[in-house]
Amino acid sequence: MLLLGVVLFLLAVLIGLPVAFALLLASAPTFLTGEYLPPQIAVQKMVAVTQSYSLMAIPFFVLAGNIMVASGIAERLVQFSKVMVGWMVGGLAQVSIVLSLVMGGISGSAVADAAMQSRLLGGPMIAKGYSRGFAAGVITYSSIITALIPPSIGLIVFGVIANVSVGRLLLAGIIPGLILTVALMAYTWFAARRAGYGADDMARPTFKEVANATLHAFWALMFPVFLLLGFRFGIFTATEAGAFVVLYAAFIGFFVYGELTIAKLVVAVRQSLSDIGMIMFIIIVAAVLGHVIVLEQAPASMAQALGALTQNPTLTLLLVLGFLVIAGMLMEATVNVLLLTPIFLPILTAQGHDPIHIGVLMVTIITMGSNTPPLGISMFTVCGMLNVTIREYIRGSTPFFLVMMAVFLLLALVPTLVTWLPYQAMGQ
């Protein structure tokens, strides 16, 4: 029945059926033909998954991100990034990378970040002589940083599905996000110097200019600091942090920057309802398929198959991650996290791997899949917005892919880079 469900899912995706309905179709054979599993169970599972307190963090952070954009926080972060790194070789490309780092707390989504940066920086990069493939590559691969920096929607979803501390997961993404930022900036400097991509027509900023830019974006930059301190001292959970950020963004927008109006707030709420509805619908139907996967004993079968190949925990981890690379190319990141976590997490934890480590690796590698052919969502989004052909994109983005894989292998083989901060900040 599970095999039939997989076939139906793939057919539904190929004919263009929305992913949520394709997931329901994949679950249908088990519920409609199995005497032991009445259809009422599917409805119960849909309702049950929505009763998670941790899952409430998603709508809070989505709303907070849209309010931050409407309140001028996002624009201040753009200007801050330009002052800090716009003077470097490959200036606009460097701005794209740093902007993904500081904007992670606003969008929480790699695809949203890639689309936003295509509008803000893609056109200017091409106009200044950057190759179209290089511009698209730096935007898509820097957007992966957004999936690691709090509040990452992917990490929240993993925490809910895996019953792992969402607060620790969010903290665990910070050091990998910083490492990826440095690696991408280093390659961009090297590539831009070879290709002759100059700075963004800026001189090296003076101390006064840096201080002014920091002051101008101060309240925007304080957002991740408040999150880190809140988690460290147990002031709030991830869900409470989401509620706090909504109030914080609204307060800054109304009373500090003065750019947020009631009309803009209504637009932000309306956009958030659309985003939240899409995300939550996928989550509730994926919960049904996840229940089917467990009943069909897919994790046990997969563990047995992997066990026949190797008993080495590191090799098992690399095999699973290799599978996730392929899965990320074919399906949207959130869907992959929902479907594959119940299958692979029990296998890896049984061999001694830390679930916090696994969560960050899964979310990172699956998010990267949205940048690669044949069905990468971020890839198609950026290429469509910048009028870049797939051939140009592959030529320009392949070096970024290799840098990403090098960083990923480092994180996979040195787990403490992921787990040190959450366990130090929140205790064992």
Protein backbone atom coordinates (compact mmCIF):
# COMPACT_ATOMS: atom_id res chain seq x y z
CA MET A 1 0.00 0.00 0.00
CA LEU A 2 2.84 2.38 0.80
CA LEU A 3 4.43 1.70 -2.59
CA LEU A 4 1.10 2.41 -4.30
CA GLY A 5 0.86 5.64 -2.30
CA VAL A 6 4.35 6.71 -3.43
CA VAL A 7 3.41 6.04 -7.07
CA LEU A 8 0.22 8.08 -6.71
CA PHE A 9 2.16 10.92 -5.08
CA LEU A 10 4.72 11.05 -7.90
CA LEU A 11 2.01 10.96 -10.55
CA ALA A 12 0.11 13.74 -8.78
CA VAL A 13 3.23 15.92 -8.64
CA LEU A 14 4.01 15.27 -12.31
CA ILE A 15 0.55 16.38 -13.44
CA GLY A 16 0.84 19.55 -11.36
CA LEU A 17 -1.47 18.75 -8.43
CA PRO A 18 -0.67 20.92 -5.37
CA VAL A 19 1.69 19.16 -2.97
CA ALA A 20 -0.81 19.06 -0.11
CA PHE A 21 -3.39 17.22 -2.21
CA ALA A 22 -0.71 14.92 -3.58
CA LEU A 23 0.14 13.95 0.02
CA LEU A 24 -3.50 13.17 0.73
CA LEU A 25 -3.68 11.05 -2.39
CA ALA A 26 -0.59 9.11 -1.29
CA SER A 27 -2.29 8.30 2.03
CA ALA A 28 -5.60 7.27 0.49
CA PRO A 29 -4.84 3.62 -0.47
CA THR A 30 -4.06 2.58 3.10
CA PHE A 31 -7.17 4.20 4.54
CA LEU A 32 -9.56 3.13 1.79
CA THR A 33 -8.45 -0.49 1.40
CA GLY A 34 -7.08 -1.43 4.81
CA GLU A 35 -9.68 -2.87 7.21
CA TYR A 36 -7.54 -2.03 10.21
CA LEU A 37 -7.37 1.72 9.51
CA PRO A 38 -10.74 3.47 9.01
CA PRO A 39 -10.80 6.87 7.23
CA GLN A 40 -11.89 8.58 10.46
CA ILE A 41 -8.35 8.07 11.76
CA ALA A 42 -7.04 10.38 9.03
CA VAL A 43 -9.29 13.19 10.22
CA GLN A 44 -8.24 12.58 13.83
CA LYS A 45 -4.57 12.81 12.84
CA MET A 46 -5.17 16.07 11.00
CA VAL A 47 -6.75 17.60 14.07
CA ALA A 48 -4.23 16.12 16.49
CA VAL A 49 -1.17 17.60 14.79
CA THR A 50 -2.63 21.11 15.07
CA GLN A 51 -2.81 20.79 18.85
CA SER A 52 0.95 21.19 19.24
CA TYR A 53 2.01 24.16 21.33
CA SER A 54 5.42 24.31 19.61
CA LEU A 55 3.77 24.47 16.19
CA MET A 56 2.26 27.83 17.10
CA ALA A 57 5.72 29.32 16.65
CA ILE A 58 5.32 29.12 12.87
CA PRO A 59 2.34 31.50 12.48
CA PHE A 60 3.87 33.90 15.01
CA PHE A 61 7.19 34.12 13.18
CA VAL A 62 5.55 34.35 9.74
CA LEU A 63 3.44 37.27 10.96
CA ALA A 64 6.47 38.88 12.60
CA GLY A 65 8.44 38.66 9.36
CA ASN A 66 5.73 40.36 7.33
CA ILE A 67 5.36 43.11 9.95
CA MET A 68 9.13 43.68 9.91
CA VAL A 69 9.07 44.17 6.15
CA ALA A 70 6.15 46.62 6.44
CA SER A 71 7.77 48.52 9.31
CA GLY A 72 11.04 49.38 7.55
CA ILE A 73 13.20 46.94 9.50
CA ALA A 74 14.09 45.01 6.34
CA GLU A 75 15.16 48.15 4.45
CA ARG A 76 17.44 49.19 7.31
CA LEU A 77 19.11 45.78 7.28
CA VAL A 78 19.75 46.15 3.54
CA GLN A 79 21.46 49.50 4.06
CA PHE A 80 23.45 48.13 7.00
CA SER A 81 24.71 45.22 4.87
CA LYS A 82 25.74 47.57 2.05
CA VAL A 83 27.80 49.73 4.41
CA MET A 84 29.47 46.74 6.04
CA VAL A 85 30.52 44.75 2.95
CA GLY A 86 29.49 46.74 -0.15
CA TRP A 87 33.05 48.12 -0.44
CA MET A 88 34.58 44.65 -0.85
CA VAL A 89 35.48 42.93 -4.12
CA GLY A 90 32.21 41.55 -5.43
CA GLY A 91 30.40 44.07 -3.25
CA LEU A 92 26.78 43.42 -4.18
CA ALA A 93 27.30 39.65 -4.02
CA GLN A 94 28.82 40.06 -0.56
CA VAL A 95 25.83 42.17 0.43
CA SER A 96 23.53 39.34 -0.64
CA ILE A 97 25.34 36.89 1.65
CA VAL A 98 25.43 39.17 4.69
CA LEU A 99 21.82 40.18 4.10
CA SER A 100 20.77 36.52 4.28
CA LEU A 101 22.54 36.30 7.63
CA VAL A 102 20.89 39.36 9.17
CA MET A 103 17.53 38.77 7.46
CA GLY A 104 17.19 35.18 8.66
CA GLY A 105 15.09 36.35 11.55
CA ILE A 106 12.69 38.11 9.21
CA SER A 107 11.76 35.63 6.50
CA GLY A 108 12.56 32.29 8.15
CA SER A 109 12.30 30.78 4.67
CA ALA A 110 15.06 30.29 2.08
CA VAL A 111 12.67 30.63 -0.86
CA ALA A 112 11.22 33.88 0.51
CA ASP A 113 14.73 35.24 1.06
CA ALA A 114 15.83 34.29 -2.45
CA ALA A 115 12.78 35.96 -4.00
CA MET A 116 13.27 39.13 -1.96
CA GLN A 117 16.97 39.37 -2.80
CA SER A 118 16.27 38.82 -6.49
CA ARG A 119 14.10 41.94 -6.39
CA LEU A 120 16.55 43.98 -4.33
CA LEU A 121 19.98 42.90 -5.60
CA GLY A 122 19.64 40.61 -8.63
CA GLY A 123 18.97 43.31 -11.21
CA PRO A 124 21.64 45.71 -9.90
CA MET A 125 24.23 42.89 -9.90
CA ILE A 126 23.56 42.06 -13.56
CA ALA A 127 23.53 45.76 -14.46
CA LYS A 128 27.02 46.13 -12.92
CA GLY A 129 28.42 43.36 -15.09
CA TYR A 130 28.04 40.28 -12.90
CA SER A 131 27.24 37.21 -14.99
CA ARG A 132 23.60 36.14 -14.73
CA GLY A 133 24.54 32.66 -13.52
CA PHE A 134 26.85 34.01 -10.82
CA ALA A 135 24.21 36.49 -9.59
CA ALA A 136 21.55 33.78 -9.43
CA GLY A 137 23.95 31.34 -7.76
CA VAL A 138 25.03 33.67 -4.97
CA ILE A 139 21.42 34.62 -4.23
CA THR A 140 20.12 31.05 -4.08
CA TYR A 141 22.99 29.59 -2.06
CA SER A 142 23.21 32.47 0.38
CA SER A 143 19.49 31.95 1.06
CA ILE A 144 20.39 28.64 2.74
CA ILE A 145 21.80 30.72 5.60
CA THR A 146 18.25 31.92 6.25
CA ALA A 147 17.16 28.33 6.89
CA LEU A 148 19.73 28.09 9.72
CA ILE A 149 19.42 31.44 11.48
CA PRO A 150 16.49 31.74 13.94
CA PRO A 151 13.62 31.59 13.40
CA SER A 152 14.00 28.83 10.80
CA ILE A 153 10.62 27.40 9.82
CA GLY A 154 12.32 24.15 8.79
CA LEU A 155 13.94 23.69 12.20
CA ILE A 156 10.65 24.44 13.96
CA VAL A 157 8.85 21.84 11.87
CA PHE A 158 11.59 19.27 12.54
CA GLY A 159 11.40 19.96 16.27
CA VAL A 160 7.65 19.40 16.32
CA ILE A 161 7.78 16.20 14.26
CA ALA A 162 10.79 14.77 16.12
CA ASN A 163 9.66 15.93 19.58
CA VAL A 164 12.96 17.77 20.05
CA SER A 165 13.46 21.10 21.82
CA VAL A 166 12.70 23.81 19.25
CA GLY A 167 14.69 26.34 21.28
CA ARG A 168 17.81 24.19 21.14
CA LEU A 169 17.35 23.56 17.44
CA LEU A 170 17.13 27.28 16.72
CA LEU A 171 20.30 27.93 18.70
CA ALA A 172 22.03 25.00 16.96
CA GLY A 173 21.64 26.69 13.58
CA ILE A 174 23.59 29.82 14.52
CA ILE A 175 27.20 28.55 14.33
CA PRO A 176 26.58 26.56 11.09
CA GLY A 177 24.95 29.69 9.65
CA LEU A 178 28.03 31.77 10.51
CA ILE A 179 30.41 29.15 9.07
CA LEU A 180 28.43 29.02 5.83
CA THR A 181 28.43 32.83 5.65
CA VAL A 182 32.23 33.01 5.95
CA ALA A 183 32.74 30.20 3.41
CA LEU A 184 30.45 31.79 0.81
CA MET A 185 32.02 35.23 1.32
CA ALA A 186 35.51 33.76 0.88
CA TYR A 187 34.60 32.04 -2.37
CA THR A 188 32.73 35.11 -3.63
CA TRP A 189 35.80 37.30 -2.99
CA PHE A 190 38.00 34.84 -4.89
CA ALA A 191 35.57 34.43 -7.82
CA ALA A 192 34.77 38.16 -8.05
CA ARG A 193 38.46 39.04 -8.10
CA ARG A 194 39.12 36.60 -10.94
CA ALA A 195 36.10 37.79 -12.92
CA GLY A 196 36.78 41.47 -12.29
CA TYR A 197 33.58 42.20 -10.37
CA GLY A 198 34.37 45.38 -8.47
CA ALA A 199 33.03 46.89 -5.30
CA ASP A 200 29.60 48.51 -5.12
CA ASP A 201 31.08 51.93 -5.99
CA MET A 202 31.90 52.44 -2.34
CA ALA A 203 35.04 53.30 -0.43
CA ARG A 204 35.94 51.39 2.70
CA PRO A 205 33.58 52.78 5.37
CA THR A 206 34.94 54.92 8.15
CA PHE A 207 34.27 54.13 11.79
CA LYS A 208 31.69 56.91 11.83
CA GLU A 209 29.84 55.45 8.84
CA VAL A 210 29.79 51.98 10.41
CA ALA A 211 28.56 53.46 13.69
CA ASN A 212 25.82 55.42 11.90
CA ALA A 213 24.70 52.37 9.92
CA THR A 214 24.63 50.27 13.09
CA LEU A 215 22.68 52.93 14.95
CA HIS A 216 20.24 53.30 12.05
CA ALA A 217 19.56 49.54 12.09
CA PHE A 218 20.03 49.07 15.84
CA TRP A 219 16.55 47.85 16.72
CA ALA A 220 16.50 45.53 13.73
CA LEU A 221 19.87 44.04 14.72
CA MET A 222 18.76 43.60 18.34
CA PHE A 223 16.05 41.15 17.36
CA PRO A 224 18.30 38.03 17.17
CA VAL A 225 20.13 39.18 20.30
CA PHE A 226 16.86 39.25 22.26
CA LEU A 227 16.05 35.78 20.94
CA LEU A 228 19.41 34.38 22.02
CA LEU A 229 19.21 35.94 25.48
CA GLY A 230 15.62 34.78 25.90
CA PHE A 231 16.52 31.17 25.13
CA ARG A 232 19.71 31.29 27.20
CA PHE A 233 18.03 32.52 30.38
CA GLY A 234 14.78 30.60 29.93
CA ILE A 235 12.69 33.75 29.58
CA PHE A 236 10.56 32.24 26.84
CA THR A 237 10.06 29.13 24.73
CA ALA A 238 10.24 29.22 20.93
CA THR A 239 6.47 29.77 20.74
CA GLU A 240 6.56 32.57 23.29
CA ALA A 241 9.51 34.06 21.40
CA GLY A 242 7.33 34.19 18.30
CA ALA A 243 4.62 36.10 20.15
CA PHE A 244 7.24 38.43 21.60
CA VAL A 245 8.69 39.16 18.16
CA VAL A 246 5.26 40.06 16.76
CA LEU A 247 4.78 42.62 19.52
CA TYR A 248 8.40 43.79 19.19
CA ALA A 249 8.13 44.35 15.43
CA ALA A 250 4.81 46.17 15.77
CA PHE A 251 6.13 48.40 18.58
CA ILE A 252 9.30 49.31 16.66
CA GLY A 253 7.32 49.92 13.48
CA PHE A 254 4.68 52.12 15.11
CA PHE A 255 6.56 54.01 17.81
CA VAL A 256 10.29 53.95 16.98
CA TYR A 257 10.58 54.03 13.18
CA GLY A 258 7.09 55.40 12.65
CA GLU A 259 6.74 53.65 9.27
CA LEU A 260 4.11 51.08 10.21
CA THR A 261 0.52 52.19 9.67
CA ILE A 262 -2.78 50.44 10.26
CA ALA A 263 -3.16 49.97 6.50
CA LYS A 264 0.29 48.36 6.23
CA LEU A 265 -0.46 46.18 9.24
CA VAL A 266 -3.67 44.93 7.61
CA VAL A 267 -1.73 44.03 4.45
CA ALA A 268 0.91 42.21 6.54
CA VAL A 269 -1.76 40.24 8.41
CA ARG A 270 -3.53 39.35 5.15
CA GLN A 271 -0.26 38.12 3.60
CA SER A 272 0.55 36.18 6.76
CA LEU A 273 -2.82 34.41 6.72
CA SER A 274 -2.12 33.24 3.18
CA ASP A 275 1.38 32.03 4.06
CA ILE A 276 0.30 30.35 7.28
CA GLY A 277 -2.64 28.62 5.62
CA MET A 278 -0.37 27.08 2.98
CA ILE A 279 2.24 25.91 5.50
CA MET A 280 -0.25 24.50 8.00
CA PHE A 281 -2.27 22.67 5.36
CA ILE A 282 0.86 20.87 4.19
CA ILE A 283 1.75 20.01 7.79
CA ILE A 284 -1.63 18.51 8.68
CA VAL A 285 -1.88 16.33 5.55
CA ALA A 286 1.75 15.24 5.92
CA ALA A 287 0.91 14.08 9.45
CA VAL A 288 -1.58 11.62 7.94
CA LEU A 289 1.02 10.22 5.56
CA GLY A 290 3.55 10.10 8.39
CA HIS A 291 1.11 7.91 10.36
CA VAL A 292 0.82 5.60 7.34
CA ILE A 293 4.61 5.41 7.03
CA VAL A 294 4.94 4.29 10.64
CA LEU A 295 2.13 1.72 10.34
CA GLU A 296 3.67 0.27 7.20
CA GLN A 297 6.94 -0.13 9.17
CA ALA A 298 8.94 1.86 6.63
CA PRO A 299 11.55 3.00 9.23
CA ALA A 300 12.23 -0.60 10.24
CA SER A 301 12.53 -1.72 6.62
CA MET A 302 14.85 1.17 5.80
CA ALA A 303 16.97 0.47 8.89
CA GLN A 304 17.27 -3.17 7.87
CA ALA A 305 18.33 -2.18 4.36
CA LEU A 306 20.93 0.27 5.65
CA GLY A 307 22.12 -2.31 8.18
CA ALA A 308 22.80 -4.72 5.34
CA LEU A 309 25.07 -2.11 3.77
CA THR A 310 26.98 -0.92 6.84
CA GLN A 311 26.96 -0.86 10.63
CA ASN A 312 29.25 2.17 10.78
CA PRO A 313 27.32 5.16 12.25
CA THR A 314 29.25 7.74 10.21
CA LEU A 315 28.78 5.88 6.95
CA THR A 316 25.08 5.38 7.71
CA LEU A 317 24.76 9.12 8.32
CA LEU A 318 26.47 9.93 5.00
CA LEU A 319 24.24 7.46 3.13
CA VAL A 320 21.11 9.02 4.61
CA LEU A 321 22.33 12.50 3.84
CA GLY A 322 23.10 11.47 0.27
CA PHE A 323 19.51 10.30 -0.07
CA LEU A 324 18.32 13.63 1.34
CA VAL A 325 20.30 15.51 -1.32
CA ILE A 326 18.29 13.68 -4.00
CA ALA A 327 15.00 14.10 -2.13
CA GLY A 328 15.65 17.83 -1.77
CA MET A 329 15.95 18.12 -5.55
CA LEU A 330 12.48 16.65 -6.05
CA MET A 331 10.27 18.06 -3.29
CA GLU A 332 9.81 21.25 -1.25
CA ALA A 333 11.90 21.44 1.93
CA THR A 334 9.06 21.50 4.48
CA VAL A 335 7.41 18.48 2.85
CA ASN A 336 10.69 16.55 2.94
CA VAL A 337 11.21 17.32 6.62
CA LEU A 338 7.68 16.14 7.41
CA LEU A 339 7.94 12.94 5.39
CA LEU A 340 11.51 11.83 5.99
CA THR A 341 12.05 12.69 9.65
CA PRO A 342 9.88 9.78 10.91
CA ILE A 343 11.80 7.41 8.61
CA PHE A 344 15.43 8.36 9.17
CA LEU A 345 15.59 9.92 12.64
CA PRO A 346 14.92 6.62 14.52
CA ILE A 347 17.61 4.89 12.45
CA LEU A 348 20.24 7.53 13.18
CA THR A 349 19.43 8.05 16.86
CA ALA A 350 19.59 4.27 17.39
CA GLN A 351 23.20 4.45 16.22
CA GLY A 352 24.02 7.22 18.70
CA HIS A 353 23.57 10.38 16.63
CA ASP A 354 22.25 13.46 18.42
CA PRO A 355 18.77 14.49 17.15
CA ILE A 356 19.77 18.18 17.36
CA HIS A 357 22.71 17.47 15.05
CA ILE A 358 20.52 15.45 12.70
CA GLY A 359 17.86 18.17 12.58
CA VAL A 360 20.27 20.89 11.48
CA LEU A 361 21.89 18.61 8.88
CA MET A 362 18.52 17.51 7.48
CA VAL A 363 17.13 21.01 7.18
CA THR A 364 20.35 22.31 5.61
CA ILE A 365 20.75 19.60 2.98
CA ILE A 366 17.06 19.51 2.08
CA THR A 367 16.98 23.29 1.74
CA MET A 368 19.98 23.09 -0.58
CA GLY A 369 17.96 20.79 -2.79
CA SER A 370 15.67 23.68 -3.68
CA ASN A 371 18.66 25.26 -5.47
CA THR A 372 19.35 22.32 -7.80
CA PRO A 373 17.75 20.78 -10.89
CA PRO A 374 15.40 19.25 -11.80
CA LEU A 375 12.71 20.73 -9.54
CA GLY A 376 14.47 23.25 -7.28
CA ILE A 377 11.93 25.85 -6.16
CA SER A 378 14.46 28.55 -5.29
CA MET A 379 16.30 27.88 -8.55
CA PHE A 380 13.17 28.40 -10.67
CA THR A 381 12.10 31.41 -8.60
CA VAL A 382 15.40 33.27 -9.01
CA CYS A 383 15.98 32.23 -12.62
CA GLY A 384 12.47 33.36 -13.54
CA MET A 385 12.81 36.72 -11.81
CA LEU A 386 16.27 37.43 -13.28
CA ASN A 387 15.62 35.91 -16.73
CA VAL A 388 18.46 33.39 -16.29
CA THR A 389 18.56 30.16 -18.31
CA ILE A 390 19.08 26.86 -16.49
CA ARG A 391 22.38 26.37 -18.35
CA GLU A 392 23.62 29.78 -17.17
CA TYR A 393 22.45 29.01 -13.65
CA ILE A 394 24.20 25.63 -13.49
CA ARG A 395 27.46 27.12 -14.79
CA GLY A 396 27.39 29.98 -12.31
CA SER A 397 26.08 28.13 -9.25
CA THR A 398 28.11 24.88 -9.36
CA PRO A 399 31.07 26.38 -7.41
CA PHE A 400 28.64 27.55 -4.72
CA PHE A 401 27.24 24.01 -4.58
CA LEU A 402 30.75 22.63 -4.01
CA VAL A 403 31.41 25.18 -1.23
CA MET A 404 28.09 24.22 0.34
CA MET A 405 28.96 20.51 0.25
CA ALA A 406 32.35 21.16 1.85
CA VAL A 407 30.71 23.07 4.71
CA PHE A 408 28.09 20.38 5.04
CA LEU A 409 30.64 17.59 5.33
CA LEU A 410 32.45 19.62 8.00
CA LEU A 411 29.21 19.94 9.99
CA ALA A 412 28.41 16.25 9.54
CA LEU A 413 31.83 15.02 10.65
CA VAL A 414 32.28 17.52 13.53
CA PRO A 415 28.95 17.41 15.43
CA THR A 416 30.14 19.76 18.19
CA LEU A 417 30.00 22.66 15.71
CA VAL A 418 26.23 22.16 15.76
CA THR A 419 25.54 20.95 19.29
CA TRP A 420 27.94 23.04 21.38
CA LEU A 421 25.92 26.27 21.51
CA PRO A 422 22.48 24.83 22.35
CA TYR A 423 23.81 22.62 25.14
CA GLN A 424 26.02 25.37 26.55
CA ALA A 425 23.30 27.98 26.39
CA MET A 426 20.40 25.87 27.68
CA GLY A 427 22.21 23.23 29.72
CA GLN A 428 22.31 19.48 29.26
